[in-house]
Amino acid sequence: MGTISVEGGKVDDPTLMFGLLVGQYARSHKPCRRIRTIRHMQSSNFVVIWRAAIFVAFVVAAVIVGVTVPVPSVEGIRVAAADAGWWGIAVFVLGYGLVTLTPIPKNVVSIAAGLTWGLGV
């Protein structure tokens, strides 16, 4: 193994030698820094405002739908599921799979399945 000369002597430990070599390399190269310009800061503020506006529009739309769309009765949902047949179950299973990928509580969808089809499914 080789040795590296440092102030006060020589180093024989390979791990320490590697650390010294990396340290010498790091000191010989200046780190590159990203300079933020006024234009970049303005565009990032614009993005934040745009995202906030989209979020507010989504919340307003959800409230409007929640207030104006009537909630169907349990019997109405069961009739619609019976009319859909096996396609209704297949669509529900696919929808349940998609819901599990979102932060929507799965208990709500599981309760809806129990109310719609009961324990027979």
PDB file of N, CA and C in Angstrom:
ATOM      1  N   MET A   1       0.839  -1.177   0.000  1.00  0.00           N
ATOM      2  CA  MET A   1       0.000   0.000   0.000  1.00  0.00           C
ATOM      3  C   MET A   1       0.881   1.236   0.000  1.00  0.00           C
ATOM      4  N   GLY A   2       0.320   2.287  -0.534  1.00  0.00           N
ATOM      5  CA  GLY A   2       1.062   3.526  -0.599  1.00  0.00           C
ATOM      6  C   GLY A   2       0.870   4.349   0.657  1.00  0.00           C
ATOM      7  N   THR A   3       1.617   5.385   0.724  1.00  0.00           N
ATOM      8  CA  THR A   3       1.491   6.303   1.849  1.00  0.00           C
ATOM      9  C   THR A   3       1.333   7.712   1.306  1.00  0.00           C
ATOM     10  N   ILE A   4       0.716   8.552   2.082  1.00  0.00           N
ATOM     11  CA  ILE A   4       0.547   9.958   1.736  1.00  0.00           C
ATOM     12  C   ILE A   4       1.248  10.783   2.788  1.00  0.00           C
ATOM     13  N   SER A   5       2.023  11.732   2.326  1.00  0.00           N
ATOM     14  CA  SER A   5       2.712  12.618   3.256  1.00  0.00           C
ATOM     15  C   SER A   5       1.791  13.768   3.625  1.00  0.00           C
ATOM     16  N   VAL A   6       1.645  13.993   4.908  1.00  0.00           N
ATOM     17  CA  VAL A   6       0.841  15.107   5.415  1.00  0.00           C
ATOM     18  C   VAL A   6       1.698  15.849   6.418  1.00  0.00           C
ATOM     19  N   GLU A   7       1.183  16.967   6.859  1.00  0.00           N
ATOM     20  CA  GLU A   7       1.917  17.721   7.875  1.00  0.00           C
ATOM     21  C   GLU A   7       2.092  16.856   9.111  1.00  0.00           C
ATOM     22  N   GLY A   8       3.277  16.693   9.539  1.00  0.00           N
ATOM     23  CA  GLY A   8       3.543  15.948  10.754  1.00  0.00           C
ATOM     24  C   GLY A   8       3.813  14.478  10.531  1.00  0.00           C
ATOM     25  N   GLY A   9       3.892  13.979   9.266  1.00  0.00           N
ATOM     26  CA  GLY A   9       4.225  12.577   9.065  1.00  0.00           C
ATOM     27  C   GLY A   9       3.559  11.989   7.845  1.00  0.00           C
ATOM     28  N   LYS A  10       3.462  10.641   7.863  1.00  0.00           N
ATOM     29  CA  LYS A  10       2.885   9.911   6.742  1.00  0.00           C
ATOM     30  C   LYS A  10       1.662   9.129   7.213  1.00  0.00           C
ATOM     31  N   VAL A  11       0.739   8.869   6.284  1.00  0.00           N
ATOM     32  CA  VAL A  11      -0.493   8.145   6.602  1.00  0.00           C
ATOM     33  C   VAL A  11      -0.472   6.828   5.849  1.00  0.00           C
ATOM     34  N   ASP A  12      -0.741   5.698   6.559  1.00  0.00           N
ATOM     35  CA  ASP A  12      -0.765   4.381   5.934  1.00  0.00           C
ATOM     36  C   ASP A  12      -2.180   3.794   5.852  1.00  0.00           C
ATOM     37  N   ASP A  13      -3.121   4.302   6.608  1.00  0.00           N
ATOM     38  CA  ASP A  13      -4.485   3.767   6.645  1.00  0.00           C
ATOM     39  C   ASP A  13      -5.190   4.091   5.330  1.00  0.00           C
ATOM     40  N   PRO A  14      -5.710   3.062   4.579  1.00  0.00           N
ATOM     41  CA  PRO A  14      -6.344   3.325   3.285  1.00  0.00           C
ATOM     42  C   PRO A  14      -7.587   4.203   3.398  1.00  0.00           C
ATOM     43  N   THR A  15      -8.393   4.029   4.440  1.00  0.00           N
ATOM     44  CA  THR A  15      -9.600   4.838   4.603  1.00  0.00           C
ATOM     45  C   THR A  15      -9.238   6.290   4.826  1.00  0.00           C
ATOM     46  N   LEU A  16      -8.268   6.531   5.655  1.00  0.00           N
ATOM     47  CA  LEU A  16      -7.834   7.888   5.919  1.00  0.00           C
ATOM     48  C   LEU A  16      -7.189   8.500   4.689  1.00  0.00           C
ATOM     49  N   MET A  17      -6.450   7.669   3.915  1.00  0.00           N
ATOM     50  CA  MET A  17      -5.841   8.173   2.688  1.00  0.00           C
ATOM     51  C   MET A  17      -6.915   8.632   1.713  1.00  0.00           C
ATOM     52  N   PHE A  18      -7.979   7.827   1.562  1.00  0.00           N
ATOM     53  CA  PHE A  18      -9.069   8.192   0.665  1.00  0.00           C
ATOM     54  C   PHE A  18      -9.724   9.498   1.113  1.00  0.00           C
ATOM     55  N   GLY A  19      -9.954   9.619   2.419  1.00  0.00           N
ATOM     56  CA  GLY A  19     -10.556  10.843   2.945  1.00  0.00           C
ATOM     57  C   GLY A  19      -9.689  12.059   2.682  1.00  0.00           C
ATOM     58  N   LEU A  20      -8.374  11.904   2.827  1.00  0.00           N
ATOM     59  CA  LEU A  20      -7.475  13.020   2.565  1.00  0.00           C
ATOM     60  C   LEU A  20      -7.464  13.400   1.096  1.00  0.00           C
ATOM     61  N   LEU A  21      -7.475  12.377   0.220  1.00  0.00           N
ATOM     62  CA  LEU A  21      -7.500  12.661  -1.214  1.00  0.00           C
ATOM     63  C   LEU A  21      -8.785  13.374  -1.614  1.00  0.00           C
ATOM     64  N   VAL A  22      -9.937  12.901  -1.094  1.00  0.00           N
ATOM     65  CA  VAL A  22     -11.212  13.551  -1.396  1.00  0.00           C
ATOM     66  C   VAL A  22     -11.212  14.973  -0.859  1.00  0.00           C
ATOM     67  N   GLY A  23     -10.686  15.169   0.330  1.00  0.00           N
ATOM     68  CA  GLY A  23     -10.631  16.507   0.903  1.00  0.00           C
ATOM     69  C   GLY A  23      -9.768  17.440   0.081  1.00  0.00           C
ATOM     70  N   GLN A  24      -8.631  16.927  -0.435  1.00  0.00           N
ATOM     71  CA  GLN A  24      -7.768  17.754  -1.279  1.00  0.00           C
ATOM     72  C   GLN A  24      -8.489  18.109  -2.576  1.00  0.00           C
ATOM     73  N   TYR A  25      -9.230  17.144  -3.145  1.00  0.00           N
ATOM     74  CA  TYR A  25      -9.971  17.408  -4.377  1.00  0.00           C
ATOM     75  C   TYR A  25     -11.052  18.452  -4.130  1.00  0.00           C
ATOM     76  N   ALA A  26     -11.757  18.324  -3.009  1.00  0.00           N
ATOM     77  CA  ALA A  26     -12.835  19.260  -2.705  1.00  0.00           C
ATOM     78  C   ALA A  26     -12.293  20.670  -2.488  1.00  0.00           C
ATOM     79  N   ARG A  27     -11.125  20.783  -1.877  1.00  0.00           N
ATOM     80  CA  ARG A  27     -10.553  22.113  -1.659  1.00  0.00           C
ATOM     81  C   ARG A  27     -10.041  22.733  -2.955  1.00  0.00           C
ATOM     82  N   SER A  28      -9.661  21.893  -3.933  1.00  0.00           N
ATOM     83  CA  SER A  28      -9.108  22.433  -5.172  1.00  0.00           C
ATOM     84  C   SER A  28     -10.187  22.892  -6.143  1.00  0.00           C
ATOM     85  N   HIS A  29     -11.424  22.494  -5.926  1.00  0.00           N
ATOM     86  CA  HIS A  29     -12.525  22.875  -6.818  1.00  0.00           C
ATOM     87  C   HIS A  29     -13.522  23.736  -6.055  1.00  0.00           C
ATOM     88  N   LYS A  30     -13.918  24.828  -6.685  1.00  0.00           N
ATOM     89  CA  LYS A  30     -14.898  25.707  -6.053  1.00  0.00           C
ATOM     90  C   LYS A  30     -16.303  25.156  -6.303  1.00  0.00           C
ATOM     91  N   PRO A  31     -17.142  25.152  -5.296  1.00  0.00           N
ATOM     92  CA  PRO A  31     -18.512  24.671  -5.516  1.00  0.00           C
ATOM     93  C   PRO A  31     -19.284  25.654  -6.387  1.00  0.00           C
ATOM     94  N   CYS A  32     -20.118  25.114  -7.259  1.00  0.00           N
ATOM     95  CA  CYS A  32     -20.916  26.014  -8.091  1.00  0.00           C
ATOM     96  C   CYS A  32     -22.200  26.357  -7.333  1.00  0.00           C
ATOM     97  N   ARG A  33     -22.557  27.586  -7.379  1.00  0.00           N
ATOM     98  CA  ARG A  33     -23.748  28.058  -6.681  1.00  0.00           C
ATOM     99  C   ARG A  33     -24.708  28.629  -7.695  1.00  0.00           C
ATOM    100  N   ARG A  34     -25.956  28.348  -7.481  1.00  0.00           N
ATOM    101  CA  ARG A  34     -26.978  28.861  -8.373  1.00  0.00           C
ATOM    102  C   ARG A  34     -27.374  30.243  -7.894  1.00  0.00           C
ATOM    103  N   ILE A  35     -27.299  31.188  -8.785  1.00  0.00           N
ATOM    104  CA  ILE A  35     -27.657  32.561  -8.439  1.00  0.00           C
ATOM    105  C   ILE A  35     -29.112  32.772  -8.829  1.00  0.00           C
ATOM    106  N   ARG A  36     -29.910  33.127  -7.859  1.00  0.00           N
ATOM    107  CA  ARG A  36     -31.328  33.375  -8.140  1.00  0.00           C
ATOM    108  C   ARG A  36     -31.501  34.805  -8.618  1.00  0.00           C
ATOM    109  N   THR A  37     -32.092  34.931  -9.752  1.00  0.00           N
ATOM    110  CA  THR A  37     -32.310  36.256 -10.312  1.00  0.00           C
ATOM    111  C   THR A  37     -33.691  36.749  -9.915  1.00  0.00           C
ATOM    112  N   ILE A  38     -33.912  38.017 -10.159  1.00  0.00           N
ATOM    113  CA  ILE A  38     -35.225  38.600  -9.877  1.00  0.00           C
ATOM    114  C   ILE A  38     -36.293  37.913 -10.723  1.00  0.00           C
ATOM    115  N   ARG A  39     -35.981  37.633 -11.966  1.00  0.00           N
ATOM    116  CA  ARG A  39     -36.955  36.979 -12.849  1.00  0.00           C
ATOM    117  C   ARG A  39     -37.317  35.600 -12.302  1.00  0.00           C
ATOM    118  N   HIS A  40     -36.328  34.845 -11.821  1.00  0.00           N
ATOM    119  CA  HIS A  40     -36.599  33.515 -11.270  1.00  0.00           C
ATOM    120  C   HIS A  40     -37.477  33.612 -10.034  1.00  0.00           C
ATOM    121  N   MET A  41     -37.216  34.579  -9.163  1.00  0.00           N
ATOM    122  CA  MET A  41     -38.037  34.732  -7.964  1.00  0.00           C
ATOM    123  C   MET A  41     -39.455  35.151  -8.330  1.00  0.00           C
ATOM    124  N   GLN A  42     -39.604  36.001  -9.350  1.00  0.00           N
ATOM    125  CA  GLN A  42     -40.937  36.409  -9.764  1.00  0.00           C
ATOM    126  C   GLN A  42     -41.702  35.228 -10.337  1.00  0.00           C
ATOM    127  N   SER A  43     -41.028  34.383 -11.115  1.00  0.00           N
ATOM    128  CA  SER A  43     -41.724  33.235 -11.694  1.00  0.00           C
ATOM    129  C   SER A  43     -42.110  32.236 -10.607  1.00  0.00           C
ATOM    130  N   SER A  44     -41.265  32.061  -9.566  1.00  0.00           N
ATOM    131  CA  SER A  44     -41.635  31.131  -8.503  1.00  0.00           C
ATOM    132  C   SER A  44     -42.816  31.684  -7.693  1.00  0.00           C
ATOM    133  N   ASN A  45     -42.876  32.999  -7.491  1.00  0.00           N
ATOM    134  CA  ASN A  45     -44.033  33.590  -6.819  1.00  0.00           C
ATOM    135  C   ASN A  45     -45.286  33.413  -7.667  1.00  0.00           C
ATOM    136  N   PHE A  46     -45.144  33.554  -8.974  1.00  0.00           N
ATOM    137  CA  PHE A  46     -46.272  33.369  -9.872  1.00  0.00           C
ATOM    138  C   PHE A  46     -46.788  31.935  -9.781  1.00  0.00           C
ATOM    139  N   VAL A  47     -45.880  30.958  -9.710  1.00  0.00           N
ATOM    140  CA  VAL A  47     -46.282  29.554  -9.612  1.00  0.00           C
ATOM    141  C   VAL A  47     -47.023  29.304  -8.305  1.00  0.00           C
ATOM    142  N   VAL A  48     -46.549  29.872  -7.216  1.00  0.00           N
ATOM    143  CA  VAL A  48     -47.214  29.692  -5.919  1.00  0.00           C
ATOM    144  C   VAL A  48     -48.621  30.286  -5.958  1.00  0.00           C
ATOM    145  N   ILE A  49     -48.744  31.470  -6.519  1.00  0.00           N
ATOM    146  CA  ILE A  49     -50.059  32.115  -6.614  1.00  0.00           C
ATOM    147  C   ILE A  49     -50.977  31.308  -7.519  1.00  0.00           C
ATOM    148  N   TRP A  50     -50.444  30.803  -8.620  1.00  0.00           N
ATOM    149  CA  TRP A  50     -51.243  30.008  -9.550  1.00  0.00           C
ATOM    150  C   TRP A  50     -51.738  28.729  -8.875  1.00  0.00           C
ATOM    151  N   ARG A  51     -50.874  28.044  -8.142  1.00  0.00           N
ATOM    152  CA  ARG A  51     -51.286  26.822  -7.442  1.00  0.00           C
ATOM    153  C   ARG A  51     -52.337  27.120  -6.371  1.00  0.00           C
ATOM    154  N   ALA A  52     -52.173  28.211  -5.659  1.00  0.00           N
ATOM    155  CA  ALA A  52     -53.162  28.586  -4.646  1.00  0.00           C
ATOM    156  C   ALA A  52     -54.511  28.879  -5.291  1.00  0.00           C
ATOM    157  N   ALA A  53     -54.500  29.544  -6.446  1.00  0.00           N
ATOM    158  CA  ALA A  53     -55.754  29.846  -7.150  1.00  0.00           C
ATOM    159  C   ALA A  53     -56.439  28.566  -7.618  1.00  0.00           C
ATOM    160  N   ILE A  54     -55.675  27.613  -8.111  1.00  0.00           N
ATOM    161  CA  ILE A  54     -56.257  26.333  -8.534  1.00  0.00           C
ATOM    162  C   ILE A  54     -56.846  25.597  -7.337  1.00  0.00           C
ATOM    163  N   PHE A  55     -56.160  25.620  -6.208  1.00  0.00           N
ATOM    164  CA  PHE A  55     -56.666  24.957  -5.001  1.00  0.00           C
ATOM    165  C   PHE A  55     -57.969  25.597  -4.537  1.00  0.00           C
ATOM    166  N   VAL A  56     -58.023  26.921  -4.528  1.00  0.00           N
ATOM    167  CA  VAL A  56     -59.243  27.625  -4.107  1.00  0.00           C
ATOM    168  C   VAL A  56     -60.381  27.304  -5.065  1.00  0.00           C
ATOM    169  N   ALA A  57     -60.110  27.270  -6.370  1.00  0.00           N
ATOM    170  CA  ALA A  57     -61.150  26.936  -7.349  1.00  0.00           C
ATOM    171  C   ALA A  57     -61.663  25.513  -7.125  1.00  0.00           C
ATOM    172  N   PHE A  58     -60.763  24.591  -6.806  1.00  0.00           N
ATOM    173  CA  PHE A  58     -61.168  23.211  -6.533  1.00  0.00           C
ATOM    174  C   PHE A  58     -62.059  23.130  -5.302  1.00  0.00           C
ATOM    175  N   VAL A  59     -61.698  23.839  -4.245  1.00  0.00           N
ATOM    176  CA  VAL A  59     -62.497  23.827  -3.016  1.00  0.00           C
ATOM    177  C   VAL A  59     -63.869  24.438  -3.270  1.00  0.00           C
ATOM    178  N   VAL A  60     -63.917  25.540  -4.000  1.00  0.00           N
ATOM    179  CA  VAL A  60     -65.200  26.181  -4.312  1.00  0.00           C
ATOM    180  C   VAL A  60     -66.074  25.235  -5.137  1.00  0.00           C
ATOM    181  N   ALA A  61     -65.479  24.567  -6.134  1.00  0.00           N
ATOM    182  CA  ALA A  61     -66.242  23.624  -6.956  1.00  0.00           C
ATOM    183  C   ALA A  61     -66.760  22.460  -6.113  1.00  0.00           C
ATOM    184  N   ALA A  62     -65.941  21.954  -5.189  1.00  0.00           N
ATOM    185  CA  ALA A  62     -66.377  20.854  -4.329  1.00  0.00           C
ATOM    186  C   ALA A  62     -67.526  21.273  -3.426  1.00  0.00           C
ATOM    187  N   VAL A  63     -67.470  22.477  -2.901  1.00  0.00           N
ATOM    188  CA  VAL A  63     -68.558  22.967  -2.049  1.00  0.00           C
ATOM    189  C   VAL A  63     -69.835  23.135  -2.867  1.00  0.00           C
ATOM    190  N   ILE A  64     -69.728  23.683  -4.067  1.00  0.00           N
ATOM    191  CA  ILE A  64     -70.909  23.869  -4.918  1.00  0.00           C
ATOM    192  C   ILE A  64     -71.534  22.520  -5.257  1.00  0.00           C
ATOM    193  N   VAL A  65     -70.718  21.537  -5.613  1.00  0.00           N
ATOM    194  CA  VAL A  65     -71.249  20.211  -5.927  1.00  0.00           C
ATOM    195  C   VAL A  65     -71.877  19.589  -4.680  1.00  0.00           C
ATOM    196  N   GLY A  66     -71.235  19.726  -3.537  1.00  0.00           N
ATOM    197  CA  GLY A  66     -71.773  19.158  -2.305  1.00  0.00           C
ATOM    198  C   GLY A  66     -73.101  19.761  -1.896  1.00  0.00           C
ATOM    199  N   VAL A  67     -73.308  21.031  -2.206  1.00  0.00           N
ATOM    200  CA  VAL A  67     -74.547  21.705  -1.813  1.00  0.00           C
ATOM    201  C   VAL A  67     -75.659  21.466  -2.833  1.00  0.00           C
ATOM    202  N   THR A  68     -75.334  21.416  -4.112  1.00  0.00           N
ATOM    203  CA  THR A  68     -76.378  21.378  -5.138  1.00  0.00           C
ATOM    204  C   THR A  68     -76.769  19.983  -5.601  1.00  0.00           C
ATOM    205  N   VAL A  69     -75.867  19.009  -5.556  1.00  0.00           N
ATOM    206  CA  VAL A  69     -76.178  17.670  -6.055  1.00  0.00           C
ATOM    207  C   VAL A  69     -76.884  16.884  -4.953  1.00  0.00           C
ATOM    208  N   PRO A  70     -78.066  16.369  -5.242  1.00  0.00           N
ATOM    209  CA  PRO A  70     -78.782  15.612  -4.209  1.00  0.00           C
ATOM    210  C   PRO A  70     -78.135  14.249  -3.967  1.00  0.00           C
ATOM    211  N   VAL A  71     -78.170  13.809  -2.727  1.00  0.00           N
ATOM    212  CA  VAL A  71     -77.612  12.508  -2.359  1.00  0.00           C
ATOM    213  C   VAL A  71     -78.690  11.456  -2.608  1.00  0.00           C
ATOM    214  N   PRO A  72     -78.374  10.413  -3.393  1.00  0.00           N
ATOM    215  CA  PRO A  72     -79.391   9.393  -3.669  1.00  0.00           C
ATOM    216  C   PRO A  72     -79.664   8.532  -2.441  1.00  0.00           C
ATOM    217  N   SER A  73     -80.826   7.943  -2.410  1.00  0.00           N
ATOM    218  CA  SER A  73     -81.171   7.064  -1.289  1.00  0.00           C
ATOM    219  C   SER A  73     -80.454   5.727  -1.445  1.00  0.00           C
ATOM    220  N   VAL A  74     -80.412   4.968  -0.360  1.00  0.00           N
ATOM    221  CA  VAL A  74     -79.759   3.657  -0.391  1.00  0.00           C
ATOM    222  C   VAL A  74     -80.494   2.726  -1.348  1.00  0.00           C
ATOM    223  N   GLU A  75     -81.815   2.782  -1.340  1.00  0.00           N
ATOM    224  CA  GLU A  75     -82.600   1.935  -2.250  1.00  0.00           C
ATOM    225  C   GLU A  75     -82.343   2.310  -3.708  1.00  0.00           C
ATOM    226  N   GLY A  76     -82.177   3.596  -3.979  1.00  0.00           N
ATOM    227  CA  GLY A  76     -81.867   4.037  -5.347  1.00  0.00           C
ATOM    228  C   GLY A  76     -80.509   3.512  -5.808  1.00  0.00           C
ATOM    229  N   ILE A  77     -79.547   3.505  -4.900  1.00  0.00           N
ATOM    230  CA  ILE A  77     -78.216   2.987  -5.239  1.00  0.00           C
ATOM    231  C   ILE A  77     -78.274   1.481  -5.470  1.00  0.00           C
ATOM    232  N   ARG A  78     -79.050   0.763  -4.650  1.00  0.00           N
ATOM    233  CA  ARG A  78     -79.173  -0.689  -4.821  1.00  0.00           C
ATOM    234  C   ARG A  78     -79.851  -1.044  -6.135  1.00  0.00           C
ATOM    235  N   VAL A  79     -80.863  -0.286  -6.513  1.00  0.00           N
ATOM    236  CA  VAL A  79     -81.545  -0.522  -7.787  1.00  0.00           C
ATOM    237  C   VAL A  79     -80.590  -0.273  -8.950  1.00  0.00           C
ATOM    238  N   ALA A  80     -79.823   0.807  -8.882  1.00  0.00           N
ATOM    239  CA  ALA A  80     -78.870   1.103  -9.954  1.00  0.00           C
ATOM    240  C   ALA A  80     -77.801   0.019 -10.043  1.00  0.00           C
ATOM    241  N   ALA A  81     -77.337  -0.498  -8.900  1.00  0.00           N
ATOM    242  CA  ALA A  81     -76.335  -1.562  -8.902  1.00  0.00           C
ATOM    243  C   ALA A  81     -76.916  -2.853  -9.461  1.00  0.00           C
ATOM    244  N   ALA A  82     -78.179  -3.158  -9.133  1.00  0.00           N
ATOM    245  CA  ALA A  82     -78.819  -4.357  -9.660  1.00  0.00           C
ATOM    246  C   ALA A  82     -79.017  -4.240 -11.165  1.00  0.00           C
ATOM    247  N   ASP A  83     -79.355  -3.061 -11.645  1.00  0.00           N
ATOM    248  CA  ASP A  83     -79.522  -2.848 -13.085  1.00  0.00           C
ATOM    249  C   ASP A  83     -78.188  -2.965 -13.830  1.00  0.00           C
ATOM    250  N   ALA A  84     -77.101  -2.588 -13.186  1.00  0.00           N
ATOM    251  CA  ALA A  84     -75.787  -2.648 -13.834  1.00  0.00           C
ATOM    252  C   ALA A  84     -75.259  -4.076 -13.910  1.00  0.00           C
ATOM    253  N   GLY A  85     -75.697  -4.942 -13.005  1.00  0.00           N
ATOM    254  CA  GLY A  85     -75.265  -6.347 -13.033  1.00  0.00           C
ATOM    255  C   GLY A  85     -73.790  -6.493 -12.675  1.00  0.00           C
ATOM    256  N   TRP A  86     -73.152  -7.458 -13.366  1.00  0.00           N
ATOM    257  CA  TRP A  86     -71.739  -7.716 -13.085  1.00  0.00           C
ATOM    258  C   TRP A  86     -70.845  -6.562 -13.524  1.00  0.00           C
ATOM    259  N   TRP A  87     -71.293  -5.785 -14.506  1.00  0.00           N
ATOM    260  CA  TRP A  87     -70.506  -4.616 -14.920  1.00  0.00           C
ATOM    261  C   TRP A  87     -70.405  -3.603 -13.785  1.00  0.00           C
ATOM    262  N   GLY A  88     -71.458  -3.473 -13.022  1.00  0.00           N
ATOM    263  CA  GLY A  88     -71.427  -2.554 -11.886  1.00  0.00           C
ATOM    264  C   GLY A  88     -70.390  -2.969 -10.854  1.00  0.00           C
ATOM    265  N   ILE A  89     -70.323  -4.283 -10.598  1.00  0.00           N
ATOM    266  CA  ILE A  89     -69.331  -4.788  -9.638  1.00  0.00           C
ATOM    267  C   ILE A  89     -67.922  -4.574 -10.185  1.00  0.00           C
ATOM    268  N   ALA A  90     -67.720  -4.851 -11.473  1.00  0.00           N
ATOM    269  CA  ALA A  90     -66.390  -4.681 -12.074  1.00  0.00           C
ATOM    270  C   ALA A  90     -65.948  -3.218 -12.028  1.00  0.00           C
ATOM    271  N   VAL A  91     -66.857  -2.313 -12.345  1.00  0.00           N
ATOM    272  CA  VAL A  91     -66.525  -0.884 -12.294  1.00  0.00           C
ATOM    273  C   VAL A  91     -66.236  -0.457 -10.861  1.00  0.00           C
ATOM    274  N   PHE A  92     -67.010  -0.990  -9.920  1.00  0.00           N
ATOM    275  CA  PHE A  92     -66.755  -0.645  -8.516  1.00  0.00           C
ATOM    276  C   PHE A  92     -65.391  -1.133  -8.064  1.00  0.00           C
ATOM    277  N   VAL A  93     -65.020  -2.350  -8.433  1.00  0.00           N
ATOM    278  CA  VAL A  93     -63.717  -2.892  -8.037  1.00  0.00           C
ATOM    279  C   VAL A  93     -62.592  -2.046  -8.637  1.00  0.00           C
ATOM    280  N   LEU A  94     -62.715  -1.662  -9.901  1.00  0.00           N
ATOM    281  CA  LEU A  94     -61.696  -0.792 -10.516  1.00  0.00           C
ATOM    282  C   LEU A  94     -61.653   0.569  -9.820  1.00  0.00           C
ATOM    283  N   GLY A  95     -62.819   1.125  -9.526  1.00  0.00           N
ATOM    284  CA  GLY A  95     -62.861   2.408  -8.813  1.00  0.00           C
ATOM    285  C   GLY A  95     -62.267   2.299  -7.419  1.00  0.00           C
ATOM    286  N   TYR A  96     -62.529   1.178  -6.758  1.00  0.00           N
ATOM    287  CA  TYR A  96     -61.957   0.966  -5.419  1.00  0.00           C
ATOM    288  C   TYR A  96     -60.437   0.896  -5.493  1.00  0.00           C
ATOM    289  N   GLY A  97     -59.932   0.240  -6.540  1.00  0.00           N
ATOM    290  CA  GLY A  97     -58.483   0.180  -6.735  1.00  0.00           C
ATOM    291  C   GLY A  97     -57.885   1.556  -6.941  1.00  0.00           C
ATOM    292  N   LEU A  98     -58.579   2.417  -7.678  1.00  0.00           N
ATOM    293  CA  LEU A  98     -58.092   3.784  -7.886  1.00  0.00           C
ATOM    294  C   LEU A  98     -58.174   4.610  -6.604  1.00  0.00           C
ATOM    295  N   VAL A  99     -59.222   4.396  -5.824  1.00  0.00           N
ATOM    296  CA  VAL A  99     -59.387   5.155  -4.583  1.00  0.00           C
ATOM    297  C   VAL A  99     -58.279   4.820  -3.585  1.00  0.00           C
ATOM    298  N   THR A 100     -57.808   3.571  -3.612  1.00  0.00           N
ATOM    299  CA  THR A 100     -56.749   3.199  -2.678  1.00  0.00           C
ATOM    300  C   THR A 100     -55.439   3.923  -2.970  1.00  0.00           C
ATOM    301  N   LEU A 101     -55.294   4.488  -4.160  1.00  0.00           N
ATOM    302  CA  LEU A 101     -54.101   5.246  -4.507  1.00  0.00           C
ATOM    303  C   LEU A 101     -54.187   6.704  -4.084  1.00  0.00           C
ATOM    304  N   THR A 102     -55.337   7.128  -3.613  1.00  0.00           N
ATOM    305  CA  THR A 102     -55.549   8.522  -3.223  1.00  0.00           C
ATOM    306  C   THR A 102     -55.680   8.612  -1.704  1.00  0.00           C
ATOM    307  N   PRO A 103     -55.648   9.830  -1.172  1.00  0.00           N
ATOM    308  CA  PRO A 103     -55.803   9.968   0.279  1.00  0.00           C
ATOM    309  C   PRO A 103     -57.257   9.910   0.760  1.00  0.00           C
ATOM    310  N   ILE A 104     -58.170   9.456  -0.080  1.00  0.00           N
ATOM    311  CA  ILE A 104     -59.575   9.322   0.324  1.00  0.00           C
ATOM    312  C   ILE A 104     -59.680   8.132   1.284  1.00  0.00           C
ATOM    313  N   PRO A 105     -60.420   8.267   2.385  1.00  0.00           N
ATOM    314  CA  PRO A 105     -60.554   7.143   3.322  1.00  0.00           C
ATOM    315  C   PRO A 105     -61.240   5.944   2.660  1.00  0.00           C
ATOM    316  N   LYS A 106     -60.618   4.788   2.758  1.00  0.00           N
ATOM    317  CA  LYS A 106     -61.163   3.580   2.134  1.00  0.00           C
ATOM    318  C   LYS A 106     -62.382   3.054   2.879  1.00  0.00           C
ATOM    319  N   ASN A 107     -62.527   3.421   4.146  1.00  0.00           N
ATOM    320  CA  ASN A 107     -63.682   2.967   4.923  1.00  0.00           C
ATOM    321  C   ASN A 107     -64.986   3.454   4.309  1.00  0.00           C
ATOM    322  N   VAL A 108     -64.987   4.669   3.790  1.00  0.00           N
ATOM    323  CA  VAL A 108     -66.198   5.217   3.173  1.00  0.00           C
ATOM    324  C   VAL A 108     -66.598   4.370   1.976  1.00  0.00           C
ATOM    325  N   VAL A 109     -65.635   3.996   1.145  1.00  0.00           N
ATOM    326  CA  VAL A 109     -65.936   3.192  -0.041  1.00  0.00           C
ATOM    327  C   VAL A 109     -66.343   1.779   0.372  1.00  0.00           C
ATOM    328  N   SER A 110     -65.732   1.230   1.404  1.00  0.00           N
ATOM    329  CA  SER A 110     -66.097  -0.110   1.875  1.00  0.00           C
ATOM    330  C   SER A 110     -67.516  -0.128   2.441  1.00  0.00           C
ATOM    331  N   ILE A 111     -67.888   0.905   3.168  1.00  0.00           N
ATOM    332  CA  ILE A 111     -69.251   1.000   3.696  1.00  0.00           C
ATOM    333  C   ILE A 111     -70.253   1.140   2.546  1.00  0.00           C
ATOM    334  N   ALA A 112     -69.886   1.917   1.522  1.00  0.00           N
ATOM    335  CA  ALA A 112     -70.759   2.069   0.358  1.00  0.00           C
ATOM    336  C   ALA A 112     -70.951   0.714  -0.333  1.00  0.00           C
ATOM    337  N   ALA A 113     -69.899  -0.074  -0.425  1.00  0.00           N
ATOM    338  CA  ALA A 113     -70.029  -1.410  -1.038  1.00  0.00           C
ATOM    339  C   ALA A 113     -70.941  -2.295  -0.200  1.00  0.00           C
ATOM    340  N   GLY A 114     -70.794  -2.231   1.126  1.00  0.00           N
ATOM    341  CA  GLY A 114     -71.652  -3.039   1.994  1.00  0.00           C
ATOM    342  C   GLY A 114     -73.105  -2.625   1.894  1.00  0.00           C
ATOM    343  N   LEU A 115     -73.368  -1.325   1.813  1.00  0.00           N
ATOM    344  CA  LEU A 115     -74.753  -0.866   1.668  1.00  0.00           C
ATOM    345  C   LEU A 115     -75.335  -1.230   0.315  1.00  0.00           C
ATOM    346  N   THR A 116     -74.503  -1.240  -0.714  1.00  0.00           N
ATOM    347  CA  THR A 116     -74.994  -1.495  -2.067  1.00  0.00           C
ATOM    348  C   THR A 116     -75.221  -2.975  -2.325  1.00  0.00           C
ATOM    349  N   TRP A 117     -74.236  -3.811  -2.038  1.00  0.00           N
ATOM    350  CA  TRP A 117     -74.341  -5.217  -2.400  1.00  0.00           C
ATOM    351  C   TRP A 117     -74.498  -6.143  -1.201  1.00  0.00           C
ATOM    352  N   GLY A 118     -74.262  -5.671  -0.005  1.00  0.00           N
ATOM    353  CA  GLY A 118     -74.380  -6.527   1.169  1.00  0.00           C
ATOM    354  C   GLY A 118     -73.206  -7.483   1.262  1.00  0.00           C
ATOM    355  N   LEU A 119     -73.368  -8.573   2.009  1.00  0.00           N
ATOM    356  CA  LEU A 119     -72.280  -9.520   2.219  1.00  0.00           C
ATOM    357  C   LEU A 119     -72.195 -10.569   1.118  1.00  0.00           C
ATOM    358  N   GLY A 120     -73.107 -10.583   0.196  1.00  0.00           N
ATOM    359  CA  GLY A 120     -73.144 -11.607  -0.848  1.00  0.00           C
ATOM    360  C   GLY A 120     -72.067 -11.450  -1.900  1.00  0.00           C
ATOM    361  N   VAL A 121     -71.431 -10.324  -1.989  1.00  0.00           N
ATOM    362  CA  VAL A 121     -70.447 -10.111  -3.065  1.00  0.00           C
ATOM    363  C   VAL A 121     -69.129 -10.674  -2.684  1.00  0.00           C
TER     364      VAL A 121
END
